[in-house]
Amino acid sequence: MLAGLAGGLLIGGAAFRDAWEERELDAAADEVASAIRLSEDMAKSGSARHDVTGGYVHFYCTKGADGRVSYSTARGIWNESVKRTLPSSVTCTTNLSLLFRNDAFSGLSDTYSTVLQTKDGKYRRKITVAMYTGRVRVEKL
């Protein structure tokens, strides 16, 4: 009877861990998508302080040497936001580098999508930014 109870706890523990990792991934994908939208808004609402930058805002989402994913926003030479780091259970497949103009056009960017996933690759979320409209979409893969 104790062996059955211990086996049930192990299976239940694994299911709980999987659910927790998926929730962390969903929260991380939503956080990055919100930060991208904020970068678009920053580009649209330029101020006199930033006139020398031409109204461009850069958004970066990169995987560091330690495997941790972080993102930040910069306007010209000014770093507008602190570099934020996602949970250690989340990784990305490609680095995302977006450049927004004040009309939300992001056609000068290198990449338009990235995939966030759990370390084991079991759960995946694709974040895509439309080139002309700047629409940000998060898809469950």
C-alpha atoms as a PDB file:
ATOM      1  CA  MET A   1       0.000   0.000   0.000  1.00  0.00           C
ATOM      2  CA  LEU A   2       2.819   2.395   0.832  1.00  0.00           C
ATOM      3  CA  ALA A   3       4.509   1.622  -2.489  1.00  0.00           C
ATOM      4  CA  GLY A   4       1.294   2.543  -4.319  1.00  0.00           C
ATOM      5  CA  LEU A   5       1.009   5.793  -2.371  1.00  0.00           C
ATOM      6  CA  ALA A   6       4.648   6.684  -3.067  1.00  0.00           C
ATOM      7  CA  GLY A   7       4.182   5.929  -6.778  1.00  0.00           C
ATOM      8  CA  GLY A   8       1.075   8.110  -6.868  1.00  0.00           C
ATOM      9  CA  LEU A   9       2.962  10.974  -5.227  1.00  0.00           C
ATOM     10  CA  LEU A  10       5.777  10.704  -7.775  1.00  0.00           C
ATOM     11  CA  ILE A  11       3.352  10.780 -10.698  1.00  0.00           C
ATOM     12  CA  GLY A  12       1.378  13.629  -9.117  1.00  0.00           C
ATOM     13  CA  GLY A  13       4.600  15.536  -8.413  1.00  0.00           C
ATOM     14  CA  ALA A  14       5.719  15.233 -12.035  1.00  0.00           C
ATOM     15  CA  ALA A  15       2.333  16.417 -13.276  1.00  0.00           C
ATOM     16  CA  PHE A  16       2.462  19.382 -10.888  1.00  0.00           C
ATOM     17  CA  ARG A  17       5.992  20.281 -12.064  1.00  0.00           C
ATOM     18  CA  ASP A  18       4.891  20.119 -15.726  1.00  0.00           C
ATOM     19  CA  ALA A  19       1.888  22.340 -15.028  1.00  0.00           C
ATOM     20  CA  TRP A  20       4.098  24.788 -13.107  1.00  0.00           C
ATOM     21  CA  GLU A  21       6.631  24.989 -15.964  1.00  0.00           C
ATOM     22  CA  GLU A  22       3.859  25.591 -18.498  1.00  0.00           C
ATOM     23  CA  ARG A  23       2.424  28.410 -16.368  1.00  0.00           C
ATOM     24  CA  GLU A  24       5.887  29.963 -16.047  1.00  0.00           C
ATOM     25  CA  LEU A  25       6.289  29.756 -19.822  1.00  0.00           C
ATOM     26  CA  ASP A  26       2.886  31.390 -20.413  1.00  0.00           C
ATOM     27  CA  ALA A  27       3.738  34.192 -17.995  1.00  0.00           C
ATOM     28  CA  ALA A  28       7.163  34.706 -19.630  1.00  0.00           C
ATOM     29  CA  ALA A  29       5.643  34.828 -23.146  1.00  0.00           C
ATOM     30  CA  ASP A  30       3.026  37.345 -21.997  1.00  0.00           C
ATOM     31  CA  GLU A  31       5.728  39.424 -20.301  1.00  0.00           C
ATOM     32  CA  VAL A  32       7.881  39.563 -23.462  1.00  0.00           C
ATOM     33  CA  ALA A  33       4.839  40.351 -25.653  1.00  0.00           C
ATOM     34  CA  SER A  34       3.866  43.200 -23.300  1.00  0.00           C
ATOM     35  CA  ALA A  35       7.415  44.560 -23.365  1.00  0.00           C
ATOM     36  CA  ILE A  36       7.344  44.532 -27.190  1.00  0.00           C
ATOM     37  CA  ARG A  37       4.045  46.442 -27.179  1.00  0.00           C
ATOM     38  CA  LEU A  38       5.521  48.938 -24.729  1.00  0.00           C
ATOM     39  CA  SER A  39       8.489  49.439 -27.070  1.00  0.00           C
ATOM     40  CA  GLU A  40       6.066  50.206 -29.908  1.00  0.00           C
ATOM     41  CA  ASP A  41       4.259  52.729 -27.724  1.00  0.00           C
ATOM     42  CA  MET A  42       7.571  54.337 -26.774  1.00  0.00           C
ATOM     43  CA  ALA A  43       8.441  54.742 -30.461  1.00  0.00           C
ATOM     44  CA  LYS A  44       5.046  56.294 -31.227  1.00  0.00           C
ATOM     45  CA  SER A  45       5.215  58.755 -28.353  1.00  0.00           C
ATOM     46  CA  GLY A  46       8.648  60.285 -28.946  1.00  0.00           C
ATOM     47  CA  SER A  47       9.660  63.329 -26.956  1.00  0.00           C
ATOM     48  CA  ALA A  48      11.998  66.275 -27.579  1.00  0.00           C
ATOM     49  CA  ARG A  49      14.595  64.571 -25.384  1.00  0.00           C
ATOM     50  CA  HIS A  50      14.911  61.797 -27.979  1.00  0.00           C
ATOM     51  CA  ASP A  51      14.714  63.782 -31.231  1.00  0.00           C
ATOM     52  CA  VAL A  52      18.326  62.948 -32.110  1.00  0.00           C
ATOM     53  CA  THR A  53      17.442  59.236 -32.364  1.00  0.00           C
ATOM     54  CA  GLY A  54      14.956  59.673 -35.193  1.00  0.00           C
ATOM     55  CA  GLY A  55      12.152  58.105 -33.178  1.00  0.00           C
ATOM     56  CA  TYR A  56      13.590  54.584 -33.264  1.00  0.00           C
ATOM     57  CA  VAL A  57      13.232  52.183 -30.375  1.00  0.00           C
ATOM     58  CA  HIS A  58      15.207  48.945 -30.177  1.00  0.00           C
ATOM     59  CA  PHE A  59      13.855  45.849 -28.421  1.00  0.00           C
ATOM     60  CA  TYR A  60      16.200  42.969 -27.650  1.00  0.00           C
ATOM     61  CA  CYS A  61      15.372  39.489 -26.368  1.00  0.00           C
ATOM     62  CA  THR A  62      18.480  37.331 -26.147  1.00  0.00           C
ATOM     63  CA  LYS A  63      19.787  34.153 -24.595  1.00  0.00           C
ATOM     64  CA  GLY A  64      22.951  34.680 -22.584  1.00  0.00           C
ATOM     65  CA  ALA A  65      25.971  32.412 -22.257  1.00  0.00           C
ATOM     66  CA  ASP A  66      24.398  30.883 -19.149  1.00  0.00           C
ATOM     67  CA  GLY A  67      21.237  29.971 -21.091  1.00  0.00           C
ATOM     68  CA  ARG A  68      19.045  32.557 -19.345  1.00  0.00           C
ATOM     69  CA  VAL A  69      16.751  34.655 -21.540  1.00  0.00           C
ATOM     70  CA  SER A  70      16.656  38.404 -20.952  1.00  0.00           C
ATOM     71  CA  TYR A  71      15.127  41.393 -22.705  1.00  0.00           C
ATOM     72  CA  SER A  72      15.612  45.156 -22.737  1.00  0.00           C
ATOM     73  CA  THR A  73      14.556  48.274 -24.613  1.00  0.00           C
ATOM     74  CA  ALA A  74      16.722  51.144 -25.823  1.00  0.00           C
ATOM     75  CA  ARG A  75      16.049  54.402 -27.646  1.00  0.00           C
ATOM     76  CA  GLY A  76      19.123  55.683 -29.425  1.00  0.00           C
ATOM     77  CA  ILE A  77      21.925  55.704 -26.877  1.00  0.00           C
ATOM     78  CA  TRP A  78      19.584  55.751 -23.877  1.00  0.00           C
ATOM     79  CA  ASN A  79      18.687  52.503 -22.198  1.00  0.00           C
ATOM     80  CA  GLU A  80      14.991  52.951 -21.444  1.00  0.00           C
ATOM     81  CA  SER A  81      14.428  49.854 -19.349  1.00  0.00           C
ATOM     82  CA  VAL A  82      16.367  47.664 -17.014  1.00  0.00           C
ATOM     83  CA  LYS A  83      17.431  44.349 -18.464  1.00  0.00           C
ATOM     84  CA  ARG A  84      14.823  41.845 -17.310  1.00  0.00           C
ATOM     85  CA  THR A  85      15.550  38.131 -17.000  1.00  0.00           C
ATOM     86  CA  LEU A  86      12.985  35.368 -17.494  1.00  0.00           C
ATOM     87  CA  PRO A  87      12.742  32.318 -15.203  1.00  0.00           C
ATOM     88  CA  SER A  88      15.556  29.778 -15.525  1.00  0.00           C
ATOM     89  CA  SER A  89      13.084  27.136 -16.773  1.00  0.00           C
ATOM     90  CA  VAL A  90      12.487  29.207 -19.954  1.00  0.00           C
ATOM     91  CA  THR A  91      14.831  29.335 -22.934  1.00  0.00           C
ATOM     92  CA  CYS A  92      14.548  30.678 -26.491  1.00  0.00           C
ATOM     93  CA  THR A  93      15.450  29.275 -29.902  1.00  0.00           C
ATOM     94  CA  THR A  94      16.553  32.520 -31.590  1.00  0.00           C
ATOM     95  CA  ASN A  95      17.486  35.990 -30.438  1.00  0.00           C
ATOM     96  CA  LEU A  96      14.926  38.685 -31.207  1.00  0.00           C
ATOM     97  CA  SER A  97      16.069  42.145 -32.279  1.00  0.00           C
ATOM     98  CA  LEU A  98      13.327  44.613 -33.256  1.00  0.00           C
ATOM     99  CA  LEU A  99      13.631  48.212 -34.389  1.00  0.00           C
ATOM    100  CA  PHE A 100      10.422  50.277 -34.232  1.00  0.00           C
ATOM    101  CA  ARG A 101       9.784  53.617 -35.902  1.00  0.00           C
ATOM    102  CA  ASN A 102       7.271  56.145 -34.630  1.00  0.00           C
ATOM    103  CA  ASP A 103       4.693  54.813 -37.145  1.00  0.00           C
ATOM    104  CA  ALA A 104       4.992  51.243 -35.683  1.00  0.00           C
ATOM    105  CA  PHE A 105       6.807  49.990 -38.798  1.00  0.00           C
ATOM    106  CA  SER A 106       9.355  47.359 -37.838  1.00  0.00           C
ATOM    107  CA  GLY A 107      10.620  46.476 -41.318  1.00  0.00           C
ATOM    108  CA  LEU A 108      14.179  47.380 -40.415  1.00  0.00           C
ATOM    109  CA  SER A 109      14.423  44.513 -37.944  1.00  0.00           C
ATOM    110  CA  ASP A 110      16.513  41.369 -38.336  1.00  0.00           C
ATOM    111  CA  THR A 111      14.028  38.856 -36.961  1.00  0.00           C
ATOM    112  CA  TYR A 112      10.283  38.956 -36.406  1.00  0.00           C
ATOM    113  CA  SER A 113       9.666  35.904 -34.253  1.00  0.00           C
ATOM    114  CA  THR A 114      11.176  33.742 -31.572  1.00  0.00           C
ATOM    115  CA  VAL A 115      10.107  30.612 -29.741  1.00  0.00           C
ATOM    116  CA  LEU A 116      10.180  30.466 -25.958  1.00  0.00           C
ATOM    117  CA  GLN A 117      10.192  26.969 -24.548  1.00  0.00           C
ATOM    118  CA  THR A 118      10.776  25.003 -21.384  1.00  0.00           C
ATOM    119  CA  LYS A 119      14.279  23.565 -20.937  1.00  0.00           C
ATOM    120  CA  ASP A 120      13.128  20.104 -22.025  1.00  0.00           C
ATOM    121  CA  GLY A 121      11.252  21.532 -25.053  1.00  0.00           C
ATOM    122  CA  LYS A 122       7.958  19.981 -23.959  1.00  0.00           C
ATOM    123  CA  TYR A 123       6.036  23.287 -24.018  1.00  0.00           C
ATOM    124  CA  ARG A 124       6.615  26.020 -26.611  1.00  0.00           C
ATOM    125  CA  ARG A 125       5.235  29.514 -27.313  1.00  0.00           C
ATOM    126  CA  LYS A 126       5.968  31.427 -30.515  1.00  0.00           C
ATOM    127  CA  ILE A 127       6.020  35.230 -30.341  1.00  0.00           C
ATOM    128  CA  THR A 128       5.565  36.905 -33.718  1.00  0.00           C
ATOM    129  CA  VAL A 129       5.595  40.619 -34.589  1.00  0.00           C
ATOM    130  CA  ALA A 130       3.933  41.793 -37.815  1.00  0.00           C
ATOM    131  CA  MET A 131       6.320  43.878 -39.898  1.00  0.00           C
ATOM    132  CA  TYR A 132       3.931  46.615 -41.043  1.00  0.00           C
ATOM    133  CA  THR A 133       1.332  46.799 -38.284  1.00  0.00           C
ATOM    134  CA  GLY A 134       3.485  45.895 -35.281  1.00  0.00           C
ATOM    135  CA  ARG A 135       0.844  43.448 -34.062  1.00  0.00           C
ATOM    136  CA  VAL A 136       2.266  41.042 -31.465  1.00  0.00           C
ATOM    137  CA  ARG A 137       0.910  37.499 -31.360  1.00  0.00           C
ATOM    138  CA  VAL A 138       1.684  34.638 -28.970  1.00  0.00           C
ATOM    139  CA  GLU A 139       0.924  31.147 -30.271  1.00  0.00           C
ATOM    140  CA  LYS A 140       0.924  27.862 -28.436  1.00  0.00           C
ATOM    141  CA  LEU A 141       2.933  25.303 -30.421  1.00  0.00           C
END
